[in-house]
C-alpha atoms as a PDB file:
ATOM      1  CA  MET A   1      -6.997  -0.651 -16.453  1.00  0.00           C
ATOM      2  CA  ASN A   2      -3.907  -2.429 -17.805  1.00  0.00           C
ATOM      3  CA  SER A   3      -2.954  -4.990 -15.171  1.00  0.00           C
ATOM      4  CA  GLU A   4       0.402  -5.583 -16.920  1.00  0.00           C
ATOM      5  CA  LYS A   5       1.702  -2.049 -16.292  1.00  0.00           C
ATOM      6  CA  LEU A   6      -0.063  -0.634 -13.273  1.00  0.00           C
ATOM      7  CA  LYS A   7       0.583   2.767 -11.818  1.00  0.00           C
ATOM      8  CA  ILE A   8       0.468   2.302  -8.060  1.00  0.00           C
ATOM      9  CA  ALA A   9       0.390   5.215  -5.626  1.00  0.00           C
ATOM     10  CA  VAL A  10       1.606   4.519  -2.095  1.00  0.00           C
ATOM     11  CA  LEU A  11       0.237   7.404  -0.034  1.00  0.00           C
ATOM     12  CA  GLY A  12       2.301   7.718   3.104  1.00  0.00           C
ATOM     13  CA  GLY A  13       5.118   5.957   1.301  1.00  0.00           C
ATOM     14  CA  THR A  14       7.705   7.742   3.437  1.00  0.00           C
ATOM     15  CA  GLY A  15       6.757   5.685   6.554  1.00  0.00           C
ATOM     16  CA  ASN A  16       7.865   2.188   7.604  1.00  0.00           C
ATOM     17  CA  ILE A  17       5.079   0.142   6.003  1.00  0.00           C
ATOM     18  CA  GLY A  18       5.066   2.407   2.960  1.00  0.00           C
ATOM     19  CA  GLU A  19       8.820   2.033   2.419  1.00  0.00           C
ATOM     20  CA  GLY A  20       8.612  -1.750   2.456  1.00  0.00           C
ATOM     21  CA  MET A  21       5.577  -1.733   0.181  1.00  0.00           C
ATOM     22  CA  VAL A  22       7.397   0.440  -2.362  1.00  0.00           C
ATOM     23  CA  LEU A  23      10.408  -1.910  -2.443  1.00  0.00           C
ATOM     24  CA  ARG A  24       8.323  -5.063  -2.770  1.00  0.00           C
ATOM     25  CA  LEU A  25       6.155  -3.618  -5.535  1.00  0.00           C
ATOM     26  CA  ALA A  26       9.136  -2.286  -7.469  1.00  0.00           C
ATOM     27  CA  LEU A  27      10.894  -5.658  -7.401  1.00  0.00           C
ATOM     28  CA  GLN A  28       7.976  -7.265  -9.239  1.00  0.00           C
ATOM     29  CA  ASN A  29       9.313  -5.623 -12.390  1.00  0.00           C
ATOM     30  CA  LEU A  30      12.296  -7.999 -12.202  1.00  0.00           C
ATOM     31  CA  MET A  31      10.139 -11.142 -11.849  1.00  0.00           C
ATOM     32  CA  ALA A  32       8.878 -13.114 -14.822  1.00  0.00           C
ATOM     33  CA  GLU A  33       5.449 -13.558 -13.201  1.00  0.00           C
ATOM     34  CA  GLY A  34       5.398 -10.240 -11.320  1.00  0.00           C
ATOM     35  CA  VAL A  35       2.851  -7.510 -11.991  1.00  0.00           C
ATOM     36  CA  LYS A  36       4.743  -4.871 -13.959  1.00  0.00           C
ATOM     37  CA  ASN A  37       4.205  -1.469 -12.389  1.00  0.00           C
ATOM     38  CA  GLU A  38       5.317   2.089 -11.796  1.00  0.00           C
ATOM     39  CA  VAL A  39       5.376   3.196  -8.160  1.00  0.00           C
ATOM     40  CA  ILE A  40       4.462   6.737  -7.145  1.00  0.00           C
ATOM     41  CA  ILE A  41       5.243   7.679  -3.546  1.00  0.00           C
ATOM     42  CA  GLY A  42       2.732  10.179  -2.185  1.00  0.00           C
ATOM     43  CA  SER A  43       3.338  12.502   0.744  1.00  0.00           C
ATOM     44  CA  ARG A  44       2.120  15.789   2.159  1.00  0.00           C
ATOM     45  CA  SER A  45       5.573  17.065   1.177  1.00  0.00           C
ATOM     46  CA  ARG A  46       6.644  16.595  -2.433  1.00  0.00           C
ATOM     47  CA  GLU A  47      10.255  17.041  -1.330  1.00  0.00           C
ATOM     48  CA  ALA A  48       9.938  14.222   1.195  1.00  0.00           C
ATOM     49  CA  ALA A  49       8.362  12.001  -1.474  1.00  0.00           C
ATOM     50  CA  ASP A  50      11.170  12.763  -3.937  1.00  0.00           C
ATOM     51  CA  GLU A  51      13.766  11.888  -1.307  1.00  0.00           C
ATOM     52  CA  ALA A  52      11.946   8.664  -0.446  1.00  0.00           C
ATOM     53  CA  ALA A  53      11.918   7.677  -4.134  1.00  0.00           C
ATOM     54  CA  LYS A  54      15.657   8.308  -4.469  1.00  0.00           C
ATOM     55  CA  LYS A  55      16.297   6.377  -1.239  1.00  0.00           C
ATOM     56  CA  ALA A  56      14.283   3.381  -2.458  1.00  0.00           C
ATOM     57  CA  LEU A  57      16.134   3.216  -5.778  1.00  0.00           C
ATOM     58  CA  SER A  58      19.478   3.573  -4.004  1.00  0.00           C
ATOM     59  CA  GLU A  59      18.592   0.796  -1.552  1.00  0.00           C
ATOM     60  CA  LEU A  60      17.657  -1.546  -4.401  1.00  0.00           C
ATOM     61  CA  GLU A  61      20.923  -0.768  -6.212  1.00  0.00           C
ATOM     62  CA  ASN A  62      22.960  -1.301  -3.039  1.00  0.00           C
ATOM     63  CA  CYS A  63      21.322  -4.713  -2.651  1.00  0.00           C
ATOM     64  CA  GLY A  64      22.507  -5.642  -6.138  1.00  0.00           C
ATOM     65  CA  PHE A  65      19.276  -5.251  -8.099  1.00  0.00           C
ATOM     66  CA  ASP A  66      19.191  -3.879 -11.644  1.00  0.00           C
ATOM     67  CA  THR A  67      16.965  -0.783 -11.446  1.00  0.00           C
ATOM     68  CA  SER A  68      16.916  -0.019 -15.174  1.00  0.00           C
ATOM     69  CA  GLU A  69      13.409  -1.513 -15.430  1.00  0.00           C
ATOM     70  CA  ILE A  70      12.184   0.044 -12.169  1.00  0.00           C
ATOM     71  CA  ASN A  71      10.355   3.370 -12.018  1.00  0.00           C
ATOM     72  CA  ILE A  72       9.833   4.980  -8.582  1.00  0.00           C
ATOM     73  CA  THR A  73       8.883   8.650  -8.363  1.00  0.00           C
ATOM     74  CA  GLY A  74       7.683  11.056  -5.674  1.00  0.00           C
ATOM     75  CA  SER A  75       4.724  13.415  -5.678  1.00  0.00           C
ATOM     76  CA  SER A  76       2.098  15.042  -3.512  1.00  0.00           C
ATOM     77  CA  ASN A  77      -0.676  12.763  -2.258  1.00  0.00           C
ATOM     78  CA  LEU A  78      -3.233  14.311  -4.589  1.00  0.00           C
ATOM     79  CA  GLU A  79      -1.047  14.156  -7.694  1.00  0.00           C
ATOM     80  CA  ALA A  80      -0.028  10.578  -6.901  1.00  0.00           C
ATOM     81  CA  ALA A  81      -3.673   9.527  -6.557  1.00  0.00           C
ATOM     82  CA  GLN A  82      -4.585  11.304  -9.784  1.00  0.00           C
ATOM     83  CA  ALA A  83      -1.870   9.502 -11.740  1.00  0.00           C
ATOM     84  CA  ALA A  84      -2.482   6.021 -10.314  1.00  0.00           C
ATOM     85  CA  ASP A  85      -4.650   3.034 -11.200  1.00  0.00           C
ATOM     86  CA  VAL A  86      -4.298   1.608  -7.697  1.00  0.00           C
ATOM     87  CA  VAL A  87      -3.937   3.637  -4.490  1.00  0.00           C
ATOM     88  CA  ILE A  88      -2.569   2.227  -1.211  1.00  0.00           C
ATOM     89  CA  LEU A  89      -3.182   4.087   2.060  1.00  0.00           C
ATOM     90  CA  THR A  90      -0.188   3.563   4.366  1.00  0.00           C
ATOM     91  CA  ILE A  91      -1.083   6.232   6.917  1.00  0.00           C
ATOM     92  CA  ARG A  92      -2.598   6.362  10.407  1.00  0.00           C
ATOM     93  CA  PHE A  93      -6.362   6.145  10.757  1.00  0.00           C
ATOM     94  CA  ASP A  94      -6.672   9.643  12.218  1.00  0.00           C
ATOM     95  CA  HIS A  95      -5.101  11.013   9.024  1.00  0.00           C
ATOM     96  CA  VAL A  96      -7.180   8.937   6.616  1.00  0.00           C
ATOM     97  CA  LEU A  97     -10.475  10.823   6.552  1.00  0.00           C
ATOM     98  CA  PRO A  98      -8.957  14.281   5.852  1.00  0.00           C
ATOM     99  CA  LEU A  99      -6.875  12.709   3.073  1.00  0.00           C
ATOM    100  CA  LEU A 100      -9.940  11.064   1.532  1.00  0.00           C
ATOM    101  CA  ASN A 101     -11.632  14.480   1.352  1.00  0.00           C
ATOM    102  CA  GLU A 102      -8.604  15.757  -0.564  1.00  0.00           C
ATOM    103  CA  ILE A 103      -8.447  12.909  -3.092  1.00  0.00           C
ATOM    104  CA  GLN A 104     -12.176  12.192  -3.591  1.00  0.00           C
ATOM    105  CA  GLU A 105     -12.319  12.894  -7.315  1.00  0.00           C
ATOM    106  CA  ALA A 106      -8.905  11.340  -7.944  1.00  0.00           C
ATOM    107  CA  ILE A 107      -9.958   7.876  -6.743  1.00  0.00           C
ATOM    108  CA  GLU A 108     -13.132   7.480  -8.780  1.00  0.00           C
ATOM    109  CA  ASN A 109     -13.185   4.132 -10.668  1.00  0.00           C
ATOM    110  CA  LYS A 110      -9.937   3.039  -8.984  1.00  0.00           C
ATOM    111  CA  ILE A 111      -8.855   0.363  -6.537  1.00  0.00           C
ATOM    112  CA  LEU A 112      -8.160   1.679  -3.030  1.00  0.00           C
ATOM    113  CA  ILE A 113      -6.179  -0.626  -0.735  1.00  0.00           C
ATOM    114  CA  THR A 114      -6.366  -0.061   3.015  1.00  0.00           C
ATOM    115  CA  PRO A 115      -4.000  -1.679   5.530  1.00  0.00           C
ATOM    116  CA  VAL A 116      -5.171   0.951   8.033  1.00  0.00           C
ATOM    117  CA  VAL A 117      -5.839  -0.119  11.637  1.00  0.00           C
ATOM    118  CA  PRO A 118      -7.585   2.168  14.166  1.00  0.00           C
ATOM    119  CA  MET A 119      -5.902   1.560  17.511  1.00  0.00           C
ATOM    120  CA  VAL A 120      -5.037   3.518  20.614  1.00  0.00           C
ATOM    121  CA  LYS A 121      -2.594   3.080  23.464  1.00  0.00           C
ATOM    122  CA  GLU A 122      -3.997   2.155  26.882  1.00  0.00           C
ATOM    123  CA  GLY A 123      -1.255   1.889  29.449  1.00  0.00           C
ATOM    124  CA  ASN A 124       1.634   0.043  27.843  1.00  0.00           C
ATOM    125  CA  LEU A 125      -0.470  -1.852  25.329  1.00  0.00           C
ATOM    126  CA  LEU A 126      -2.456  -1.136  22.174  1.00  0.00           C
ATOM    127  CA  VAL A 127      -6.222  -1.619  21.867  1.00  0.00           C
ATOM    128  CA  TYR A 128      -8.274  -1.936  18.690  1.00  0.00           C
ATOM    129  CA  LYS A 129     -10.712   0.985  18.547  1.00  0.00           C
ATOM    130  CA  PRO A 130     -12.865   0.837  15.409  1.00  0.00           C
ATOM    131  CA  PRO A 131     -15.092   3.708  14.285  1.00  0.00           C
ATOM    132  CA  GLU A 132     -18.881   3.436  14.453  1.00  0.00           C
ATOM    133  CA  GLU A 133     -18.931   1.753  11.024  1.00  0.00           C
ATOM    134  CA  GLY A 134     -17.203  -1.261  12.587  1.00  0.00           C
ATOM    135  CA  SER A 135     -13.785  -1.077  10.914  1.00  0.00           C
ATOM    136  CA  ALA A 136     -11.445   1.340   9.184  1.00  0.00           C
ATOM    137  CA  ALA A 137     -12.234  -0.393   5.883  1.00  0.00           C
ATOM    138  CA  LEU A 138     -15.982   0.184   6.193  1.00  0.00           C
ATOM    139  CA  ALA A 139     -15.465   3.779   7.328  1.00  0.00           C
ATOM    140  CA  ILE A 140     -13.303   4.370   4.265  1.00  0.00           C
ATOM    141  CA  GLN A 141     -15.827   2.734   1.945  1.00  0.00           C
ATOM    142  CA  LYS A 142     -18.545   5.014   3.318  1.00  0.00           C
ATOM    143  CA  ARG A 143     -16.515   8.112   2.440  1.00  0.00           C
ATOM    144  CA  VAL A 144     -15.280   7.336  -1.074  1.00  0.00           C
ATOM    145  CA  PRO A 145     -17.124   7.486  -4.407  1.00  0.00           C
ATOM    146  CA  SER A 146     -19.378   4.489  -5.131  1.00  0.00           C
ATOM    147  CA  SER A 147     -17.173   3.648  -8.121  1.00  0.00           C
ATOM    148  CA  THR A 148     -14.097   3.204  -5.877  1.00  0.00           C
ATOM    149  CA  LYS A 149     -13.290  -0.446  -5.193  1.00  0.00           C
ATOM    150  CA  VAL A 150     -12.087  -0.735  -1.584  1.00  0.00           C
ATOM    151  CA  VAL A 151      -9.840  -3.668  -0.687  1.00  0.00           C
ATOM    152  CA  ALA A 152      -8.595  -4.362   2.859  1.00  0.00           C
ATOM    153  CA  ALA A 153      -5.144  -5.987   2.904  1.00  0.00           C
ATOM    154  CA  PHE A 154      -1.649  -6.011   4.479  1.00  0.00           C
ATOM    155  CA  HIS A 155      -2.816  -5.266   8.059  1.00  0.00           C
ATOM    156  CA  ASN A 156      -0.803  -7.956   9.828  1.00  0.00           C
ATOM    157  CA  ILE A 157       2.456  -7.717   7.886  1.00  0.00           C
ATOM    158  CA  PRO A 158       5.567  -6.834   9.952  1.00  0.00           C
ATOM    159  CA  ALA A 159       7.173  -3.711   8.519  1.00  0.00           C
ATOM    160  CA  GLY A 160      10.687  -4.976   9.221  1.00  0.00           C
ATOM    161  CA  LYS A 161      10.175  -8.160   7.234  1.00  0.00           C
ATOM    162  CA  LEU A 162       8.561  -6.238   4.393  1.00  0.00           C
ATOM    163  CA  ARG A 163      11.592  -3.934   4.145  1.00  0.00           C
ATOM    164  CA  ASP A 164      14.121  -6.761   4.408  1.00  0.00           C
ATOM    165  CA  ILE A 165      14.281  -7.561   0.692  1.00  0.00           C
ATOM    166  CA  VAL A 166      17.489  -9.606   0.982  1.00  0.00           C
ATOM    167  CA  LYS A 167      17.323 -11.705   4.161  1.00  0.00           C
ATOM    168  CA  CYS A 168      13.580 -12.243   4.673  1.00  0.00           C
ATOM    169  CA  LYS A 169      12.853 -15.900   3.901  1.00  0.00           C
ATOM    170  CA  ALA A 170       9.692 -16.308   5.977  1.00  0.00           C
ATOM    171  CA  VAL A 171       6.352 -16.307   4.190  1.00  0.00           C
ATOM    172  CA  HIS A 172       3.517 -14.561   6.010  1.00  0.00           C
ATOM    173  CA  ASP A 173      -0.174 -14.961   5.246  1.00  0.00           C
ATOM    174  CA  ALA A 174      -1.866 -11.793   3.999  1.00  0.00           C
ATOM    175  CA  ILE A 175      -5.661 -11.727   4.321  1.00  0.00           C
ATOM    176  CA  VAL A 176      -7.495  -9.817   1.578  1.00  0.00           C
ATOM    177  CA  CYS A 177     -11.123  -8.653   1.963  1.00  0.00           C
ATOM    178  CA  SER A 178     -13.334  -6.858  -0.553  1.00  0.00           C
ATOM    179  CA  ASP A 179     -16.851  -6.727  -1.946  1.00  0.00           C
ATOM    180  CA  ASP A 180     -15.419  -6.458  -5.469  1.00  0.00           C
ATOM    181  CA  GLU A 181     -14.115  -9.838  -6.649  1.00  0.00           C
ATOM    182  CA  GLU A 182     -12.062  -8.519  -9.576  1.00  0.00           C
ATOM    183  CA  ALA A 183     -10.323  -5.937  -7.382  1.00  0.00           C
ATOM    184  CA  LYS A 184      -9.645  -8.636  -4.774  1.00  0.00           C
ATOM    185  CA  LYS A 185      -8.109 -10.914  -7.414  1.00  0.00           C
ATOM    186  CA  LEU A 186      -5.755  -8.167  -8.589  1.00  0.00           C
ATOM    187  CA  VAL A 187      -4.610  -7.364  -5.045  1.00  0.00           C
ATOM    188  CA  MET A 188      -4.073 -11.058  -4.353  1.00  0.00           C
ATOM    189  CA  LYS A 189      -1.958 -11.294  -7.519  1.00  0.00           C
ATOM    190  CA  LEU A 190       0.117  -8.304  -6.394  1.00  0.00           C
ATOM    191  CA  THR A 191       0.537  -9.919  -2.971  1.00  0.00           C
ATOM    192  CA  GLU A 192       1.544 -13.289  -4.400  1.00  0.00           C
ATOM    193  CA  HIS A 193       4.654 -11.812  -6.008  1.00  0.00           C
ATOM    194  CA  MET A 194       5.873  -9.696  -3.094  1.00  0.00           C
ATOM    195  CA  GLY A 195       8.383 -12.336  -2.103  1.00  0.00           C
ATOM    196  CA  CYS A 196       7.437 -12.902   1.541  1.00  0.00           C
ATOM    197  CA  LEU A 197       3.634 -12.951   1.457  1.00  0.00           C
ATOM    198  CA  LYS A 198       0.956 -15.523   0.664  1.00  0.00           C
ATOM    199  CA  PRO A 199      -2.506 -14.062  -0.099  1.00  0.00           C
ATOM    200  CA  LEU A 200      -5.608 -15.576   1.464  1.00  0.00           C
ATOM    201  CA  ASP A 201      -9.166 -14.677   0.467  1.00  0.00           C
ATOM    202  CA  GLY A 202     -10.744 -13.208   3.594  1.00  0.00           C
ATOM    203  CA  GLY A 203     -14.232 -12.725   2.177  1.00  0.00           C
ATOM    204  CA  PRO A 204     -16.254  -9.497   1.918  1.00  0.00           C
ATOM    205  CA  LEU A 205     -15.171  -6.143   3.315  1.00  0.00           C
ATOM    206  CA  LYS A 206     -17.259  -6.565   6.474  1.00  0.00           C
ATOM    207  CA  GLN A 207     -14.763  -9.223   7.578  1.00  0.00           C
ATOM    208  CA  ALA A 208     -11.982  -6.620   7.720  1.00  0.00           C
ATOM    209  CA  SER A 209     -12.781  -5.776  11.348  1.00  0.00           C
ATOM    210  CA  THR A 210     -11.552  -9.196  12.466  1.00  0.00           C
ATOM    211  CA  VAL A 211      -8.365  -8.865  10.432  1.00  0.00           C
ATOM    212  CA  GLU A 212      -7.686  -5.307  11.630  1.00  0.00           C
ATOM    213  CA  SER A 213      -8.131  -6.322  15.273  1.00  0.00           C
ATOM    214  CA  LEU A 214      -5.267  -8.835  15.012  1.00  0.00           C
ATOM    215  CA  THR A 215      -2.680  -6.091  14.517  1.00  0.00           C
ATOM    216  CA  PRO A 216      -2.653  -4.620  18.050  1.00  0.00           C
ATOM    217  CA  LEU A 217      -2.713  -8.184  19.414  1.00  0.00           C
ATOM    218  CA  MET A 218       0.451  -9.047  17.477  1.00  0.00           C
ATOM    219  CA  ILE A 219       2.200  -5.839  18.527  1.00  0.00           C
ATOM    220  CA  ASN A 220       1.301  -6.524  22.162  1.00  0.00           C
ATOM    221  CA  LEU A 221       2.519 -10.120  21.936  1.00  0.00           C
ATOM    222  CA  ALA A 222       5.829  -8.941  20.532  1.00  0.00           C
ATOM    223  CA  LYS A 223       6.215  -6.366  23.306  1.00  0.00           C
ATOM    224  CA  LEU A 224       5.271  -8.705  26.144  1.00  0.00           C
ATOM    225  CA  ASN A 225       7.428 -11.583  24.924  1.00  0.00           C
ATOM    226  CA  GLN A 226      10.455  -9.683  23.612  1.00  0.00           C
ATOM    227  CA  LEU A 227       9.757 -10.764  20.047  1.00  0.00           C
ATOM    228  CA  LYS A 228      10.236  -8.851  16.820  1.00  0.00           C
ATOM    229  CA  ASP A 229       8.378  -8.555  13.530  1.00  0.00           C
ATOM    230  CA  LEU A 230       5.629 -11.068  14.249  1.00  0.00           C
ATOM    231  CA  GLY A 231       3.605 -12.268  11.286  1.00  0.00           C
ATOM    232  CA  ILE A 232       0.706 -14.670  10.772  1.00  0.00           C
ATOM    233  CA  ASN A 233       0.893 -18.174   9.312  1.00  0.00           C
ATOM    234  CA  PHE A 234      -2.216 -20.332   9.178  1.00  0.00           C
ATOM    235  CA  SER A 235      -1.693 -24.083   8.990  1.00  0.00           C
END
């Protein structure tokens, strides 16, 4: 894997978190220390992915960025996973397992990043509801090839701040968990140059349950206290 020119597939890249992730990754190509990459937006609909890619490039241009060194394309989820070195799952937990069945062979010997949080609505609030494995990350690891390096990251990042590539000045802590140290280091390097995130080593993948469970808490806090785009900062 060439860490200087990564091909990164963002599956579910047409949603809120996916859109922000695409923009932040693409902008690393304009940074001296950024991880140079090509972004492939994956979707169930190739047409939707193509439109999302055009929208992302247009948004970057409208914000004054030079996109001549930026490559964002759209594809089906399977084709995006096949073409990528690193795959990011930005979809709901109930859609993850069927997608993993579809892309099994495509993710062999690759890094798979999961910001996925299993949660359900009870009344007006959200509740963390992990699968029997204990977390979405462990459930995913159980269902992918043994050669796939699963990394849990980006769970507690506010989508609005991630998409705000011009005004966002706040720096949020991003906890990264994995059993593979080299994969963790690469994801932490990607995170470091996203502009509004600071990576923190969260330990092995079994720790992901604690990190995942913070997401519904933050959403509930925002709802109950009329706040917006809450993030985490440890000090």
